[in-house]
């Protein structure tokens, strides 16, 4: 097998290959035109070197499993996977095409980044990694080359999960020792070890080291003989807080390292507030970020007017703050996160009807009230419920009503369901467009359209029972 060539058509003419976007020792990624939508997408396959190996079929199985894991991650800072295709025995992962450049190229052109800019990207990637770890696997290849910046934005997107593997906390496991020098922790130099989220913590800290210094840290296996130079040695503008946090994140032995991404990000970010988000009036100028240490941070209010922000299950202060400044995309992702946490479904990454039927009314009411308040009645679960019922929707799934609902709230266009990246995250969207709940029902590979209808009908039923 060879590389696909420019202008080559695959899948009976559905896709037209444009060019190779990049590749490494494992895979190769192409840009292509999807003739069904006339949009540019990306397709990743195993590269010709892997195709020539005797264990090619086994590697293809791992590749498909990578796609399945990624399909369960609907985070705004993780590249989105749409579907898998097979062309003449070769599996391809059809993904979101991200126009922009990776952080490695960005640093080559810009040099050392200002601390606040570097922390913005690290915070975003940290949020993405938290979602990855909740799915029960590690990325294992965090580095500037695998973080893309969307053109015209300040959004970082984590890509290339080719080395991603499942892990079990506290258990010794076997993994390939593939790695990137300078960013891989010491445990990735051996095939067996106690792999845990702290493996990715090391790489994330090393990435911040590079963003601030334009230097690649010395490889972990050299550090037995040479001390890691503090990043402040290369950039005197780095704050003492960030300098110390990087060194703590890059502690050589995994058992001595900061254990979770959340813990490490809380060390590296400013204490009083999370990184700046688009400016707009906020009722509480120093919001408490979910699970952030309480030292030097004002206690968050327990209510927002008549809305209860802290329930027996969850603190909704962060959701309120995101909605207050109308960062709808981040608020949509936060809604997914808190709902999965309340239902105890973080590991599964999706809600089933059983958990929707027992979802606490108190929490459902708070989420809905916040969306309704800060969108002036344009968005919210209760808004979606009214639209669904006005079309004749009931607890019983009905395909025609579900399609009509999708058309009304803007989740379908031209008779086709939109991908998550096509959702409109602002008030120009149709009424009821948000929250966009695909992240709550994408529990399996395929069938998401039908599953979505079942979820929405069940959620509407639960809202009625909760008198919302």
Protein backbone atom coordinates (compact mmCIF):
# COMPACT_ATOMS: atom_id res chain seq x y z
CA UNK A 1 0.00 0.00 0.00
CA UNK A 2 1.14 3.56 -0.71
CA UNK A 3 0.26 7.10 0.27
CA UNK A 4 -2.96 8.48 -1.14
CA UNK A 5 -2.26 11.01 -3.89
CA UNK A 6 -3.65 14.53 -4.53
CA UNK A 7 -6.97 14.46 -6.45
CA UNK A 8 -7.41 10.74 -5.72
CA UNK A 9 -11.03 9.85 -4.95
CA UNK A 10 -11.97 7.34 -2.25
CA UNK A 11 -15.20 5.84 -0.93
CA UNK A 12 -16.80 5.81 -4.39
CA UNK A 13 -16.03 9.46 -5.01
CA UNK A 14 -17.30 10.79 -1.71
CA UNK A 15 -13.88 12.18 -0.70
CA UNK A 16 -11.22 13.87 -2.86
CA UNK A 17 -7.74 13.82 -1.35
CA UNK A 18 -6.02 17.24 -1.37
CA UNK A 19 -2.63 16.82 0.26
CA UNK A 20 -0.70 15.33 3.17
CA UNK A 21 -1.01 17.49 6.27
CA UNK A 22 1.57 15.65 8.34
CA UNK A 23 2.74 12.32 9.61
CA UNK A 24 5.16 10.44 11.80
CA UNK A 25 6.25 6.93 12.66
CA UNK A 26 2.67 5.79 13.17
CA UNK A 27 0.15 7.57 10.99
CA UNK A 28 -0.34 10.03 8.17
CA UNK A 29 -3.05 12.68 7.93
CA UNK A 30 -4.55 14.06 4.72
CA UNK A 31 -6.82 16.97 3.95
CA UNK A 32 -9.76 16.08 1.72
CA UNK A 33 -12.98 17.50 0.33
CA UNK A 34 -16.20 15.84 1.47
CA UNK A 35 -18.39 16.01 -1.64
CA UNK A 36 -21.53 15.55 0.49
CA UNK A 37 -20.94 18.82 2.34
CA UNK A 38 -18.31 20.58 0.18
CA UNK A 39 -16.25 21.05 3.33
CA UNK A 40 -12.62 20.30 4.05
CA UNK A 41 -12.07 17.44 6.47
CA UNK A 42 -9.01 15.52 7.67
CA UNK A 43 -8.49 11.78 7.24
CA UNK A 44 -5.88 9.89 9.23
CA UNK A 45 -4.61 6.40 8.32
CA UNK A 46 -1.71 4.21 9.31
CA UNK A 47 1.33 5.15 7.21
CA UNK A 48 2.95 2.87 4.59
CA UNK A 49 5.64 1.78 7.05
CA UNK A 50 2.98 0.44 9.42
CA UNK A 51 1.07 -1.04 6.48
CA UNK A 52 4.09 -3.17 5.59
CA UNK A 53 4.48 -4.66 9.07
CA UNK A 54 3.42 -8.28 9.74
CA UNK A 55 1.19 -7.12 12.63
CA UNK A 56 -0.61 -4.57 10.43
CA UNK A 57 -4.09 -5.90 11.16
CA UNK A 58 -3.43 -5.79 14.90
CA UNK A 59 -2.25 -2.19 14.57
CA UNK A 60 -5.36 -1.35 12.56
CA UNK A 61 -7.46 -2.71 15.41
CA UNK A 62 -5.65 -0.40 17.83
CA UNK A 63 -6.17 2.45 15.37
CA UNK A 64 -9.92 1.85 15.25
CA UNK A 65 -10.02 1.67 19.04
CA UNK A 66 -8.27 5.06 19.14
CA UNK A 67 -11.08 6.45 17.00
CA UNK A 68 -13.71 4.95 19.28
CA UNK A 69 -12.09 6.57 22.32
CA UNK A 70 -11.81 9.91 20.59
CA UNK A 71 -15.43 9.70 19.42
CA UNK A 72 -16.47 9.73 23.07
CA UNK A 73 -14.60 13.00 23.69
CA UNK A 74 -16.72 15.95 22.57
CA UNK A 75 -14.54 18.58 24.17
CA UNK A 76 -13.99 21.94 22.40
CA UNK A 77 -10.21 21.56 22.84
CA UNK A 78 -10.00 18.01 21.44
CA UNK A 79 -10.06 17.32 17.72
CA UNK A 80 -13.44 15.87 16.77
CA UNK A 81 -13.78 12.47 15.08
CA UNK A 82 -16.78 12.09 12.79
CA UNK A 83 -16.66 8.53 11.47
CA UNK A 84 -14.47 5.64 10.29
CA UNK A 85 -14.19 4.61 6.65
CA UNK A 86 -12.50 1.64 4.98
CA UNK A 87 -10.84 1.95 1.58
CA UNK A 88 -9.26 -1.15 0.00
CA UNK A 89 -8.54 -2.70 3.38
CA UNK A 90 -7.19 0.50 4.95
CA UNK A 91 -9.12 2.14 7.79
CA UNK A 92 -9.37 5.94 7.79
CA UNK A 93 -10.41 8.20 10.63
CA UNK A 94 -12.51 11.12 9.32
CA UNK A 95 -11.87 14.10 11.53
CA UNK A 96 -12.42 17.81 11.96
CA UNK A 97 -10.06 19.87 9.80
CA UNK A 98 -8.47 22.58 11.92
CA UNK A 99 -7.14 25.54 9.98
CA UNK A 100 -4.16 26.96 11.80
CA UNK A 101 -0.68 26.06 12.99
CA UNK A 102 0.76 23.95 15.75
CA UNK A 103 2.43 25.47 18.79
CA UNK A 104 5.88 24.24 17.72
CA UNK A 105 5.68 26.28 14.51
CA UNK A 106 4.17 29.19 16.43
CA UNK A 107 7.09 29.26 18.88
CA UNK A 108 9.64 28.97 16.08
CA UNK A 109 8.20 32.15 14.60
CA UNK A 110 7.38 34.05 17.79
CA UNK A 111 10.02 32.87 20.23
CA UNK A 112 9.25 32.78 23.95
CA UNK A 113 5.57 33.41 24.66
CA UNK A 114 4.28 35.84 27.28
CA UNK A 115 3.29 33.98 30.43
CA UNK A 116 -0.41 34.86 30.25
CA UNK A 117 -0.67 33.64 26.64
CA UNK A 118 1.17 30.39 27.35
CA UNK A 119 -1.02 29.72 30.39
CA UNK A 120 -4.16 30.26 28.31
CA UNK A 121 -3.18 27.43 25.98
CA UNK A 122 -2.05 25.18 28.82
CA UNK A 123 -5.33 25.73 30.67
CA UNK A 124 -7.30 24.74 27.57
CA UNK A 125 -5.22 21.63 26.93
CA UNK A 126 -5.44 20.77 30.64
CA UNK A 127 -9.24 20.85 30.43
CA UNK A 128 -9.06 18.56 27.40
CA UNK A 129 -6.76 16.12 29.24
CA UNK A 130 -9.13 15.98 32.20
CA UNK A 131 -11.82 14.80 29.80
CA UNK A 132 -9.42 12.25 28.26
CA UNK A 133 -8.52 10.87 31.70
CA UNK A 134 -12.18 10.60 32.67
CA UNK A 135 -12.60 8.34 29.64
CA UNK A 136 -9.99 6.05 31.21
CA UNK A 137 -7.01 6.57 28.90
CA UNK A 138 -3.83 8.62 28.60
CA UNK A 139 -2.67 10.71 25.65
CA UNK A 140 1.06 9.95 26.21
CA UNK A 141 2.31 12.35 23.54
CA UNK A 142 1.59 15.88 24.75
CA UNK A 143 3.98 18.31 23.04
CA UNK A 144 3.77 21.61 21.13
CA UNK A 145 3.56 19.74 17.78
CA UNK A 146 0.34 18.05 18.91
CA UNK A 147 -1.45 21.24 19.91
CA UNK A 148 -3.03 23.26 17.10
CA UNK A 149 -4.13 26.89 17.28
CA UNK A 150 -7.33 27.61 15.40
CA UNK A 151 -6.67 30.42 12.95
CA UNK A 152 -8.10 33.75 14.04
CA UNK A 153 -8.77 32.59 17.60
CA UNK A 154 -6.91 31.95 20.84
CA UNK A 155 -8.17 28.37 21.02
CA UNK A 156 -5.80 25.43 21.39
CA UNK A 157 -6.86 21.97 20.20
CA UNK A 158 -5.23 18.69 21.26
CA UNK A 159 -4.59 16.28 18.37
CA UNK A 160 -2.81 12.99 17.55
CA UNK A 161 -3.93 10.27 19.93
CA UNK A 162 -1.81 7.65 18.21
CA UNK A 163 -0.04 6.70 21.46
CA UNK A 164 -3.16 6.88 23.62
CA UNK A 165 -3.69 3.87 25.87
CA UNK A 166 -6.05 2.79 28.62
CA UNK A 167 -4.79 2.77 32.18
CA UNK A 168 -5.83 1.36 35.55
CA UNK A 169 -4.87 3.37 38.61
CA UNK A 170 -2.61 1.51 41.00
CA UNK A 171 -1.92 -1.36 38.62
CA UNK A 172 1.28 -2.14 36.80
CA UNK A 173 0.67 -2.25 33.07
CA UNK A 174 2.49 -2.85 29.84
CA UNK A 175 2.62 -0.21 27.12
CA UNK A 176 4.73 0.53 24.10
CA UNK A 177 7.75 2.66 24.94
CA UNK A 178 7.07 5.10 22.08
CA UNK A 179 7.79 8.62 23.20
CA UNK A 180 9.01 12.09 22.29
CA UNK A 181 12.36 13.04 23.81
CA UNK A 182 12.11 15.96 26.21
CA UNK A 183 8.38 15.61 26.85
CA UNK A 184 8.09 11.94 27.83
CA UNK A 185 8.43 11.10 31.55
CA UNK A 186 10.82 8.44 32.81
CA UNK A 187 8.11 5.74 32.97
CA UNK A 188 7.67 5.88 29.18
CA UNK A 189 11.23 4.67 28.71
CA UNK A 190 10.19 1.25 30.03
CA UNK A 191 7.52 -1.08 28.74
CA UNK A 192 6.08 -1.79 32.18
CA UNK A 193 5.15 0.63 34.93
CA UNK A 194 2.42 2.30 36.94
CA UNK A 195 0.94 4.54 34.27
CA UNK A 196 -1.45 7.22 35.53
CA UNK A 197 -2.61 10.77 34.73
CA UNK A 198 0.70 12.04 36.15
CA UNK A 199 2.30 10.65 32.96
CA UNK A 200 0.49 13.35 30.98
CA UNK A 201 1.12 15.91 33.74
CA UNK A 202 4.87 15.63 33.06
CA UNK A 203 4.40 16.21 29.33
CA UNK A 204 2.02 19.13 29.87
CA UNK A 205 4.51 20.78 32.24
CA UNK A 206 7.31 20.14 29.74
CA UNK A 207 5.19 21.74 27.03
CA UNK A 208 4.74 24.87 29.16
CA UNK A 209 8.52 24.84 29.71
CA UNK A 210 9.00 25.06 25.94
CA UNK A 211 6.32 27.69 25.39
CA UNK A 212 7.98 30.01 27.88
CA UNK A 213 11.62 29.31 27.04
CA UNK A 214 11.63 28.18 23.37
CA UNK A 215 13.83 25.33 24.66
CA UNK A 216 13.10 21.60 24.71
CA UNK A 217 13.72 20.17 28.23
CA UNK A 218 16.51 17.62 28.56
CA UNK A 219 15.19 14.05 28.17
CA UNK A 220 14.00 12.36 31.35
CA UNK A 221 16.50 9.50 31.03
CA UNK A 222 19.39 12.03 31.04
CA UNK A 223 18.17 13.59 34.27
CA UNK A 224 19.76 10.83 36.33
CA UNK A 225 23.08 12.41 35.37
CA UNK A 226 22.19 16.06 34.74
CA UNK A 227 19.90 18.44 36.60
CA UNK A 228 16.95 19.97 34.76
CA UNK A 229 17.67 23.71 34.30
CA UNK A 230 14.81 25.77 35.81
CA UNK A 231 12.84 27.47 33.02
CA UNK A 232 13.54 30.84 34.63
CA UNK A 233 17.19 30.33 33.71
CA UNK A 234 16.19 30.87 30.06
CA UNK A 235 13.49 33.49 30.65
CA UNK A 236 13.75 35.82 33.63
CA UNK A 237 10.20 37.08 33.02
CA UNK A 238 8.69 33.78 34.21
CA UNK A 239 7.00 34.23 37.59
CA UNK A 240 8.26 32.28 40.61
CA UNK A 241 4.86 30.58 40.85
CA UNK A 242 4.97 29.24 37.30
CA UNK A 243 8.66 28.32 37.50
CA UNK A 244 8.01 26.23 40.62
CA UNK A 245 4.87 24.64 39.19
CA UNK A 246 6.71 23.50 36.06
CA UNK A 247 9.44 21.86 38.12
CA UNK A 248 6.85 20.14 40.33
CA UNK A 249 5.01 18.87 37.26
CA UNK A 250 8.27 17.52 35.86
CA UNK A 251 9.34 15.71 39.03
CA UNK A 252 11.31 12.73 37.74
CA UNK A 253 9.76 9.83 39.68
CA UNK A 254 6.02 9.43 39.01
CA UNK A 255 5.10 8.69 42.63
CA UNK A 256 6.60 12.04 43.70
CA UNK A 257 4.96 14.05 40.93
CA UNK A 258 1.71 16.03 41.03
CA UNK A 259 -0.80 13.26 40.36
CA UNK A 260 -3.62 14.85 38.37
CA UNK A 261 -3.90 17.52 35.71
CA UNK A 262 -6.43 19.46 37.77
CA UNK A 263 -4.05 19.66 40.74
CA UNK A 264 -1.17 20.80 38.56
CA UNK A 265 -3.18 23.39 36.62
CA UNK A 266 -4.35 24.87 39.91
CA UNK A 267 -0.68 25.31 40.88
CA UNK A 268 0.29 27.01 37.65
CA UNK A 269 -2.65 29.39 37.21
CA UNK A 270 -3.11 32.67 39.08
CA UNK A 271 -4.74 32.07 42.45
CA UNK A 272 -7.58 34.57 42.44
CA UNK A 273 -9.29 33.63 39.21
CA UNK A 274 -9.02 31.34 36.24
CA UNK A 275 -7.48 32.66 33.03
CA UNK A 276 -9.25 35.68 31.50
CA UNK A 277 -12.29 35.01 29.38
CA UNK A 278 -13.98 37.59 27.11
CA UNK A 279 -14.73 40.69 29.15
CA UNK A 280 -18.27 41.50 30.14
CA UNK A 281 -19.94 42.51 33.40
CA UNK A 282 -19.75 39.72 35.98
CA UNK A 283 -21.73 39.92 39.17
CA UNK A 284 -18.93 38.24 41.12
CA UNK A 285 -15.50 39.64 40.12
CA UNK A 286 -13.57 36.79 41.76
CA UNK A 287 -15.47 33.58 40.94
CA UNK A 288 -14.44 30.34 42.55
CA UNK A 289 -13.45 27.78 39.96
CA UNK A 290 -14.78 24.28 40.54
CA UNK A 291 -12.48 22.34 42.89
CA UNK A 292 -9.88 25.14 43.06
CA UNK A 293 -8.12 25.55 46.42
CA UNK A 294 -9.98 27.94 48.69
CA UNK A 295 -6.87 29.74 49.97
CA UNK A 296 -6.95 33.46 49.10
CA UNK A 297 -10.21 33.02 47.17
CA UNK A 298 -13.49 34.48 48.28
CA UNK A 299 -16.16 31.93 49.16
CA UNK A 300 -18.57 31.73 46.18
CA UNK A 301 -22.14 32.88 46.67
CA UNK A 302 -24.61 30.10 47.27
CA UNK A 303 -27.19 31.67 45.00
CA UNK A 304 -27.55 33.92 41.98
CA UNK A 305 -30.72 35.77 42.77
CA UNK A 306 -33.29 33.01 43.10
CA UNK A 307 -31.00 30.42 41.47
CA UNK A 308 -29.29 27.98 43.82
CA UNK A 309 -25.67 27.71 42.69
CA UNK A 310 -24.47 25.05 45.14
CA UNK A 311 -26.53 21.89 45.45
CA UNK A 312 -25.92 18.69 47.35
CA UNK A 313 -24.20 17.32 44.22
CA UNK A 314 -22.41 20.18 42.47
CA UNK A 315 -21.07 23.74 42.54
CA UNK A 316 -22.45 25.61 39.49
CA UNK A 317 -20.48 28.82 40.02
CA UNK A 318 -18.24 28.18 37.00
CA UNK A 319 -21.23 27.49 34.74
CA UNK A 320 -22.81 30.74 35.94
CA UNK A 321 -19.62 32.69 35.23
CA UNK A 322 -19.25 31.26 31.72
CA UNK A 323 -22.87 32.04 30.89
CA UNK A 324 -22.62 35.53 32.40
CA UNK A 325 -19.98 36.50 29.85
CA UNK A 326 -21.75 34.60 27.07
CA UNK A 327 -18.98 32.13 26.31
CA UNK A 328 -21.61 29.70 25.05
CA UNK A 329 -19.28 27.00 23.76
CA UNK A 330 -17.41 26.70 27.05
CA UNK A 331 -20.71 26.84 28.96
CA UNK A 332 -22.06 24.02 26.79
CA UNK A 333 -19.03 21.86 27.61
CA UNK A 334 -19.29 22.74 31.31
CA UNK A 335 -22.96 21.69 31.22
CA UNK A 336 -21.92 18.31 29.85
CA UNK A 337 -19.21 17.98 32.50
CA UNK A 338 -21.42 18.79 35.49
CA UNK A 339 -24.27 16.59 34.28
CA UNK A 340 -22.00 13.58 33.84
CA UNK A 341 -20.47 14.26 37.28
CA UNK A 342 -23.87 14.55 38.98
CA UNK A 343 -24.99 11.31 37.35
CA UNK A 344 -21.71 9.55 38.18
CA UNK A 345 -21.13 8.84 34.49
CA UNK A 346 -17.78 10.57 33.88
CA UNK A 347 -16.04 7.32 32.95
CA UNK A 348 -18.76 6.30 30.48
CA UNK A 349 -18.92 9.82 29.06
CA UNK A 350 -22.62 9.69 28.22
CA UNK A 351 -26.06 9.48 29.85
CA UNK A 352 -28.57 6.70 29.35
CA UNK A 353 -32.32 6.88 29.89
CA UNK A 354 -32.03 5.22 33.28
CA UNK A 355 -29.83 8.00 34.65
CA UNK A 356 -31.86 10.75 33.03
CA UNK A 357 -34.99 9.39 34.72
CA UNK A 358 -33.39 9.80 38.16
CA UNK A 359 -31.37 12.96 37.49
CA UNK A 360 -31.84 15.23 40.54
CA UNK A 361 -34.52 17.84 39.94
CA UNK A 362 -32.58 20.38 41.99
CA UNK A 363 -29.57 20.17 39.69
CA UNK A 364 -31.62 20.08 36.50
CA UNK A 365 -33.49 23.19 37.67
CA UNK A 366 -30.27 25.10 38.43
CA UNK A 367 -28.73 24.28 35.04
CA UNK A 368 -31.89 25.28 33.19
CA UNK A 369 -32.43 28.49 35.18
CA UNK A 370 -28.87 29.65 34.49
CA UNK A 371 -29.16 29.04 30.75
CA UNK A 372 -32.56 30.73 30.57
CA UNK A 373 -31.47 33.75 32.65
CA UNK A 374 -28.26 34.56 30.81
CA UNK A 375 -29.68 33.95 27.33
CA UNK A 376 -32.80 36.03 28.08
CA UNK A 377 -35.00 33.00 27.52
CA UNK A 378 -33.36 32.03 24.22
CA UNK A 379 -31.61 28.85 25.41
CA UNK A 380 -32.25 26.21 28.06
CA UNK A 381 -33.67 22.75 28.61
CA UNK A 382 -37.11 24.13 29.42
CA UNK A 383 -37.07 26.09 26.13
CA UNK A 384 -36.26 22.88 24.27
CA UNK A 385 -38.98 21.03 26.16
CA UNK A 386 -41.65 23.55 25.09
CA UNK A 387 -40.56 23.32 21.46
CA UNK A 388 -40.50 19.52 21.58
CA UNK A 389 -43.97 19.32 23.12
CA UNK A 390 -45.39 21.90 20.68
CA UNK A 391 -44.44 19.51 17.87
CA UNK A 392 -46.35 16.69 19.54
CA UNK A 393 -43.35 15.12 21.26
CA UNK A 394 -43.94 12.75 24.17
CA UNK A 395 -41.89 10.26 26.15
CA UNK A 396 -42.26 7.85 23.23
CA UNK A 397 -39.59 8.37 20.57
CA UNK A 398 -41.02 9.42 17.19
CA UNK A 399 -38.61 9.83 14.29
CA UNK A 400 -40.66 12.45 12.41
CA UNK A 401 -41.13 14.59 15.52
CA UNK A 402 -37.44 14.24 16.37
CA UNK A 403 -36.46 15.39 12.87
CA UNK A 404 -38.90 18.31 13.06
CA UNK A 405 -37.39 19.26 16.43
CA UNK A 406 -33.88 19.12 14.95
CA UNK A 407 -35.01 21.43 12.12
CA UNK A 408 -36.65 23.87 14.55
CA UNK A 409 -33.68 24.26 16.94
CA UNK A 410 -31.13 24.25 14.12
CA UNK A 411 -29.49 20.88 14.72
CA UNK A 412 -30.47 19.81 11.17
CA UNK A 413 -29.96 21.68 7.93
CA UNK A 414 -31.04 20.56 4.49
CA UNK A 415 -32.37 17.33 5.95
CA UNK A 416 -28.99 16.38 7.45
CA UNK A 417 -27.92 16.36 11.09
CA UNK A 418 -25.06 18.71 11.91
CA UNK A 419 -21.77 17.66 13.40
CA UNK A 420 -20.90 19.22 16.76
CA UNK A 421 -18.40 21.62 15.16
CA UNK A 422 -21.20 23.10 13.01
CA UNK A 423 -23.26 24.14 16.02
CA UNK A 424 -23.72 27.93 16.36
CA UNK A 425 -22.48 29.09 19.74
CA UNK A 426 -24.05 32.55 19.89
CA UNK A 427 -27.46 34.20 20.17
CA UNK A 428 -27.92 34.26 16.40
CA UNK A 429 -28.73 30.56 16.65
CA UNK A 430 -32.39 29.47 16.62
CA UNK A 431 -34.27 29.40 19.91
CA UNK A 432 -33.49 26.21 21.84
CA UNK A 433 -30.24 25.61 19.92
CA UNK A 434 -28.33 25.30 23.21
CA UNK A 435 -27.44 23.42 25.31
CA UNK A 436 -26.42 21.09 22.48
CA UNK A 437 -26.59 17.70 24.14
CA UNK A 438 -24.76 15.43 21.67
CA UNK A 439 -22.02 14.98 24.26
CA UNK A 440 -24.59 13.40 26.56
CA UNK A 441 -25.84 10.74 24.18
CA UNK A 442 -22.74 9.77 22.17
CA UNK A 443 -22.31 6.55 24.08
CA UNK A 444 -21.71 4.23 21.18
CA UNK A 445 -20.18 4.14 17.74
CA UNK A 446 -22.94 5.28 15.45
CA UNK A 447 -26.65 5.51 16.09
CA UNK A 448 -26.23 8.93 17.69
CA UNK A 449 -29.17 10.46 15.82
CA UNK A 450 -31.67 7.94 17.19
CA UNK A 451 -29.99 8.01 20.60
CA UNK A 452 -30.34 11.80 20.63
CA UNK A 453 -34.07 11.55 20.05
CA UNK A 454 -34.45 9.12 22.92
CA UNK A 455 -32.39 11.35 25.23
CA UNK A 456 -34.34 14.52 24.39
CA UNK A 457 -37.70 12.78 24.83
CA UNK A 458 -36.55 11.33 28.17
CA UNK A 459 -35.14 14.67 29.29
CA UNK A 460 -38.39 16.44 28.39
CA UNK A 461 -40.27 13.86 30.45
CA UNK A 462 -37.94 14.41 33.41
CA UNK A 463 -38.43 18.19 33.17
CA UNK A 464 -42.19 17.68 33.38
CA UNK A 465 -41.83 15.48 36.48
CA UNK A 466 -39.55 18.06 38.07
CA UNK A 467 -42.05 20.83 37.25
CA UNK A 468 -39.47 22.71 35.18
